[in-house]
Amino acid sequence: VLPFATLGAWWITGQFLKPLQTILRTADEIRRGRLDQRIETPILNDELGQLARTLNQAFDNYHDVLERLDRFSLDAAHQLRNPLAAMRTSAEVCLQQPRDRAAYEEVLAMVLEEASRLGHTVDQLLLLARLTRDNLREHFETLDLSALTLTLVDHLKPAFDEKRIQLTALTPASPVHVRGSPRLLEQALANLLDNALRLTPGDGRVQVELRQEPLKVYLSVADSGPGLQNNSGNSENPKNSGLGLLVASNIARAHGGSVQAAASSWGGACFTIELPGLGEGFAFRGCHEL
């Protein structure tokens, strides 16, 4: 009887340890760099099942963090490389031979302009790094997104007027309340407007529209520019559309929302920030109907 009991106990123990061995093998595969691996052992409603689900969620979060870090590094290198190269080239050309005061002043003005752009880029990079680390929701407040939108549009309108771009804003007559950080939501909208300003040609059009549903709020920026192909993005992955749009996407995600991209009715691009709403409002028509 004892040999049979020992064999049975060994078999039962092996069956109990098999899911744990699978978990250990999967964790080791991920440690070796195979980040797409997940635990495929049958998920049971016991301690091992809960452990497998928790580890799979942790692996998903880990993979997502690494992907964001890769995008962060690539965008940082791309955004910093061009201004630095322009500053270096201008300085080298200027120093090749003696020049008059006006020529030196022109080069210094260009260097100051590029330095200002670099400073803005660094601020965006620091903000993006903070969004991946801090618990921002602890500092959220109830705010009127309609008032914030109109204030920012009025502030940025001179820059659009200088380029002869018609900038308009459509917002509901009543306040549109959301929970969030006013500074971050303003930065997200400013990034979308800056993207439209850079890519829309003179005598073009840019329209900001705020719409509200019972559970959702939509804030869109549509332009008459060259379209999504020149935004280096697509309608399914706006996070790959440059640093400014990446920051806007991360801000929306920190607020429980997202950013979608589509074609505008003018043939340009339309980026929409979707946020959780707090009240009833009007139906959103969508980017194509602006």
Protein backbone atom coordinates (compact mmCIF):
# COMPACT_ATOMS: atom_id res chain seq x y z
CA VAL A 1 0.00 0.00 0.00
CA LEU A 2 2.83 2.40 0.92
CA PRO A 3 4.41 2.46 -2.59
CA PHE A 4 1.03 3.12 -4.20
CA ALA A 5 0.26 5.86 -1.65
CA THR A 6 3.65 7.45 -2.28
CA LEU A 7 3.14 7.33 -6.05
CA GLY A 8 -0.33 8.83 -5.69
CA ALA A 9 0.93 11.59 -3.43
CA TRP A 10 3.74 12.33 -5.90
CA TRP A 11 1.26 12.54 -8.82
CA ILE A 12 -1.15 14.78 -6.90
CA THR A 13 1.68 17.06 -5.79
CA GLY A 14 2.91 17.30 -9.38
CA GLN A 15 -0.57 18.32 -10.55
CA PHE A 16 -0.74 21.04 -7.91
CA LEU A 17 2.75 22.33 -8.75
CA LYS A 18 2.30 22.24 -12.55
CA PRO A 19 0.58 25.69 -12.74
CA LEU A 20 3.25 27.15 -10.47
CA GLN A 21 6.00 25.72 -12.68
CA THR A 22 4.28 27.26 -15.72
CA ILE A 23 4.20 30.62 -13.95
CA LEU A 24 7.89 30.37 -13.11
CA ARG A 25 8.83 29.42 -16.70
CA THR A 26 6.81 32.32 -18.12
CA ALA A 27 8.35 34.78 -15.67
CA ASP A 28 11.82 33.54 -16.63
CA GLU A 29 11.02 33.95 -20.36
CA ILE A 30 9.95 37.55 -19.73
CA ARG A 31 13.09 38.15 -17.69
CA ARG A 32 15.13 36.99 -20.70
CA GLY A 33 13.48 39.63 -22.91
CA ARG A 34 10.45 37.87 -24.41
CA LEU A 35 8.03 40.55 -23.26
CA ASP A 36 5.08 39.18 -25.27
CA GLN A 37 4.89 36.01 -23.19
CA ARG A 38 1.95 35.51 -20.80
CA ILE A 39 0.85 32.78 -18.43
CA GLU A 40 -1.42 30.36 -20.32
CA THR A 41 -2.12 27.94 -17.50
CA PRO A 42 -5.86 27.30 -16.91
CA ILE A 43 -7.12 30.17 -14.76
CA LEU A 44 -8.88 28.78 -11.68
CA ASN A 45 -10.72 30.59 -8.92
CA ASP A 46 -8.09 29.76 -6.36
CA GLU A 47 -4.87 31.32 -5.12
CA LEU A 48 -2.85 30.16 -8.14
CA GLY A 49 -5.48 31.52 -10.53
CA GLN A 50 -5.44 34.89 -8.79
CA LEU A 51 -1.63 34.87 -8.85
CA ALA A 52 -1.61 34.12 -12.61
CA ARG A 53 -4.08 36.94 -13.37
CA THR A 54 -2.19 39.40 -11.20
CA LEU A 55 1.14 38.52 -12.83
CA ASN A 56 -0.32 38.82 -16.34
CA GLN A 57 -1.63 42.28 -15.47
CA ALA A 58 1.76 43.23 -14.05
CA PHE A 59 3.49 41.96 -17.21
CA ASP A 60 1.06 43.99 -19.37
CA ASN A 61 1.79 47.14 -17.34
CA TYR A 62 5.52 46.48 -17.52
CA HIS A 63 5.36 46.06 -21.30
CA ASP A 64 3.30 49.25 -21.64
CA VAL A 65 5.80 51.22 -19.55
CA LEU A 66 8.70 50.01 -21.69
CA GLU A 67 6.84 50.93 -24.89
CA ARG A 68 6.13 54.43 -23.55
CA LEU A 69 9.78 54.76 -22.56
CA ASP A 70 10.88 53.79 -26.08
CA ARG A 71 8.48 56.32 -27.63
CA PHE A 72 9.65 58.92 -25.13
CA SER A 73 13.31 58.36 -26.07
CA LEU A 74 12.65 58.43 -29.82
CA ASP A 75 10.52 61.57 -29.65
CA ALA A 76 13.03 63.29 -27.37
CA ALA A 77 15.90 62.55 -29.74
CA HIS A 78 13.92 63.67 -32.79
CA GLN A 79 12.63 66.87 -31.19
CA LEU A 80 16.03 67.92 -29.84
CA ARG A 81 18.18 66.94 -32.82
CA ASN A 82 16.87 69.40 -35.42
CA PRO A 83 17.10 72.61 -33.33
CA LEU A 84 20.55 71.67 -32.07
CA ALA A 85 21.77 70.96 -35.61
CA ALA A 86 20.41 74.31 -36.84
CA MET A 87 22.09 76.20 -34.02
CA ARG A 88 25.42 74.46 -34.58
CA THR A 89 25.34 74.96 -38.37
CA SER A 90 24.51 78.65 -38.08
CA ALA A 91 27.25 79.25 -35.52
CA GLU A 92 29.86 77.40 -37.61
CA VAL A 93 28.98 79.33 -40.78
CA CYS A 94 29.01 82.62 -38.88
CA LEU A 95 32.51 81.95 -37.47
CA GLN A 96 34.09 80.93 -40.77
CA GLN A 97 34.89 84.54 -41.65
CA PRO A 98 34.54 88.02 -40.11
CA ARG A 99 31.11 89.58 -40.48
CA ASP A 100 29.43 92.87 -39.67
CA ARG A 101 27.32 93.56 -36.61
CA ALA A 102 24.04 92.97 -38.43
CA ALA A 103 25.08 89.47 -39.50
CA TYR A 104 26.09 88.52 -35.95
CA GLU A 105 22.83 89.91 -34.59
CA GLU A 106 20.86 87.86 -37.13
CA VAL A 107 22.62 84.65 -36.10
CA LEU A 108 22.19 85.40 -32.40
CA ALA A 109 18.48 86.07 -32.94
CA MET A 110 18.14 82.70 -34.67
CA VAL A 111 20.02 80.98 -31.83
CA LEU A 112 17.72 82.61 -29.27
CA GLU A 113 14.66 81.50 -31.21
CA GLU A 114 15.93 77.91 -31.41
CA ALA A 115 16.86 78.02 -27.71
CA SER A 116 13.29 79.07 -26.92
CA ARG A 117 11.97 76.14 -28.96
CA LEU A 118 14.35 73.80 -27.15
CA GLY A 119 13.15 75.14 -23.81
CA HIS A 120 9.54 74.43 -24.80
CA THR A 121 10.50 70.94 -25.95
CA VAL A 122 12.28 70.21 -22.66
CA ASP A 123 9.21 71.40 -20.75
CA GLN A 124 7.06 69.01 -22.79
CA LEU A 125 9.46 66.13 -22.14
CA LEU A 126 9.45 66.81 -18.41
CA LEU A 127 5.65 66.96 -18.42
CA LEU A 128 5.48 63.66 -20.32
CA ALA A 129 7.86 62.02 -17.85
CA ARG A 130 5.77 63.31 -14.95
CA LEU A 131 2.56 61.93 -16.46
CA THR A 132 4.05 58.43 -16.50
CA ARG A 133 5.04 58.64 -12.84
CA ASP A 134 2.87 60.85 -10.65
CA ASN A 135 -0.60 60.12 -9.28
CA LEU A 136 -2.21 63.21 -10.79
CA ARG A 137 -5.80 62.36 -9.94
CA GLU A 138 -5.25 63.30 -6.33
CA HIS A 139 -5.01 66.94 -7.50
CA PHE A 140 -8.02 66.95 -9.87
CA GLU A 141 -10.79 69.52 -9.47
CA THR A 142 -14.13 70.25 -11.10
CA LEU A 143 -13.66 72.80 -13.89
CA ASP A 144 -15.57 74.39 -16.75
CA LEU A 145 -13.94 73.09 -19.94
CA SER A 146 -15.96 75.54 -22.05
CA ALA A 147 -14.51 78.58 -20.28
CA LEU A 148 -11.00 77.11 -20.43
CA THR A 149 -11.35 76.50 -24.19
CA LEU A 150 -12.60 80.00 -25.00
CA THR A 151 -9.89 81.63 -22.89
CA LEU A 152 -7.12 79.66 -24.61
CA VAL A 153 -8.52 80.31 -28.09
CA ASP A 154 -8.64 84.06 -27.39
CA HIS A 155 -5.06 83.92 -26.13
CA LEU A 156 -3.73 82.10 -29.20
CA LYS A 157 -5.84 83.86 -31.84
CA PRO A 158 -3.20 86.55 -32.65
CA ALA A 159 -0.74 83.84 -33.74
CA PHE A 160 -3.36 82.45 -36.16
CA ASP A 161 -4.28 85.94 -37.39
CA GLU A 162 -0.63 86.63 -38.16
CA LYS A 163 -0.62 83.60 -40.47
CA ARG A 164 -4.04 84.55 -41.91
CA ILE A 165 -5.66 81.40 -40.51
CA GLN A 166 -9.29 81.66 -39.46
CA LEU A 167 -9.61 80.30 -35.93
CA THR A 168 -13.12 79.70 -34.58
CA ALA A 169 -14.51 78.02 -31.46
CA LEU A 170 -17.89 76.33 -31.00
CA THR A 171 -18.90 75.63 -27.39
CA PRO A 172 -22.22 75.03 -25.64
CA ALA A 173 -23.90 78.04 -24.06
CA SER A 174 -23.93 76.33 -20.66
CA PRO A 175 -20.81 75.25 -18.73
CA VAL A 176 -19.25 71.87 -19.53
CA HIS A 177 -17.90 70.44 -16.30
CA VAL A 178 -15.20 67.79 -16.07
CA ARG A 179 -12.86 66.52 -13.38
CA GLY A 180 -9.21 67.20 -14.05
CA SER A 181 -6.21 69.46 -13.95
CA PRO A 182 -6.87 72.85 -15.62
CA ARG A 183 -3.19 73.33 -16.44
CA LEU A 184 -2.81 69.89 -18.04
CA LEU A 185 -6.04 70.07 -20.06
CA GLU A 186 -5.04 73.53 -21.26
CA GLN A 187 -1.66 72.12 -22.30
CA ALA A 188 -3.32 69.27 -24.22
CA LEU A 189 -5.55 71.68 -26.16
CA ALA A 190 -2.64 74.06 -26.74
CA ASN A 191 -0.61 71.19 -28.23
CA LEU A 192 -3.41 70.34 -30.66
CA LEU A 193 -3.76 74.00 -31.66
CA ASP A 194 0.00 74.36 -32.07
CA ASN A 195 0.00 71.30 -34.33
CA ALA A 196 -2.79 72.83 -36.44
CA LEU A 197 -1.02 76.20 -36.59
CA ARG A 198 2.22 74.63 -37.83
CA LEU A 199 0.63 72.47 -40.52
CA THR A 200 -2.22 74.65 -41.80
CA PRO A 201 -1.21 76.91 -44.71
CA GLY A 202 -2.00 80.60 -44.85
CA ASP A 203 -5.64 81.51 -45.48
CA GLY A 204 -6.63 78.15 -44.02
CA ARG A 205 -9.14 77.29 -41.31
CA VAL A 206 -8.92 75.80 -37.82
CA GLN A 207 -11.99 75.06 -35.73
CA VAL A 208 -12.25 74.05 -32.08
CA GLU A 209 -15.47 72.36 -31.06
CA LEU A 210 -16.58 71.26 -27.60
CA ARG A 211 -19.48 68.81 -27.36
CA GLN A 212 -21.08 67.06 -24.42
CA GLU A 213 -22.98 63.83 -23.95
CA PRO A 214 -24.41 62.49 -20.69
CA LEU A 215 -21.26 60.48 -19.94
CA LYS A 216 -18.66 61.86 -22.38
CA VAL A 217 -17.13 65.19 -23.36
CA TYR A 218 -15.44 65.68 -26.74
CA LEU A 219 -13.00 68.49 -27.51
CA SER A 220 -11.86 68.49 -31.15
CA VAL A 221 -9.46 70.57 -33.25
CA ALA A 222 -9.99 70.35 -37.02
CA ASP A 223 -7.83 72.03 -39.66
CA SER A 224 -7.63 72.47 -43.41
CA GLY A 225 -4.00 71.37 -43.57
CA PRO A 226 -2.40 68.55 -45.56
CA GLY A 227 -4.04 65.77 -43.54
CA LEU A 228 -2.97 62.95 -41.25
CA GLN A 229 -0.13 61.74 -43.46
CA ASN A 230 1.76 64.95 -42.66
CA ASN A 231 1.04 64.59 -38.95
CA SER A 232 3.18 61.42 -38.93
CA GLY A 233 0.25 59.59 -37.40
CA ASN A 234 -2.91 57.69 -38.22
CA SER A 235 -6.46 57.42 -37.01
CA GLU A 236 -5.73 54.39 -34.85
CA ASN A 237 -2.57 55.50 -33.10
CA PRO A 238 -2.32 59.25 -32.51
CA LYS A 239 0.44 58.60 -29.98
CA ASN A 240 2.83 58.21 -32.90
CA SER A 241 2.08 61.71 -34.20
CA GLY A 242 4.93 63.68 -32.62
CA LEU A 243 5.82 64.90 -29.18
CA GLY A 244 3.01 67.44 -28.76
CA LEU A 245 0.31 64.94 -29.69
CA LEU A 246 1.97 62.26 -27.57
CA VAL A 247 1.79 64.59 -24.55
CA ALA A 248 -1.87 65.37 -25.34
CA SER A 249 -2.62 61.64 -25.56
CA ASN A 250 -0.95 60.98 -22.20
CA ILE A 251 -2.81 63.88 -20.58
CA ALA A 252 -6.13 62.51 -21.87
CA ARG A 253 -5.23 59.04 -20.58
CA ALA A 254 -4.36 60.48 -17.17
CA HIS A 255 -7.91 61.91 -17.10
CA GLY A 256 -9.50 58.58 -18.01
CA GLY A 257 -9.90 59.53 -21.67
CA SER A 258 -8.13 59.21 -25.00
CA VAL A 259 -7.24 61.05 -28.21
CA GLN A 260 -8.58 59.98 -31.61
CA ALA A 261 -7.50 61.14 -35.05
CA ALA A 262 -9.61 61.41 -38.19
CA ALA A 263 -9.87 63.41 -41.39
CA SER A 264 -11.60 66.77 -41.18
CA SER A 265 -14.33 67.82 -43.60
CA TRP A 266 -11.79 70.18 -45.22
CA GLY A 267 -9.35 67.37 -46.03
CA GLY A 268 -7.06 68.15 -43.12
CA ALA A 269 -6.66 66.49 -39.74
CA CYS A 270 -9.07 66.37 -36.81
CA PHE A 271 -7.85 65.36 -33.35
CA THR A 272 -10.44 64.78 -30.63
CA ILE A 273 -9.86 64.57 -26.88
CA GLU A 274 -12.46 62.33 -25.26
CA LEU A 275 -13.00 62.80 -21.51
CA PRO A 276 -15.46 61.43 -18.92
CA GLY A 277 -18.35 63.85 -18.49
CA LEU A 278 -20.24 64.96 -15.39
CA GLY A 279 -23.61 65.98 -16.80
CA GLU A 280 -26.03 66.04 -19.68
CA GLY A 281 -25.47 68.03 -22.84
CA PHE A 282 -25.61 67.90 -26.62
CA ALA A 283 -24.74 65.03 -28.93
CA PHE A 284 -21.31 65.10 -30.58
CA ARG A 285 -21.36 65.16 -34.37
CA GLY A 286 -17.79 63.93 -34.85
CA CYS A 287 -14.69 65.14 -36.65
CA HIS A 288 -16.01 64.47 -40.17
CA GLU A 289 -19.02 66.75 -39.60
CA LEU A 290 -17.21 69.86 -38.39
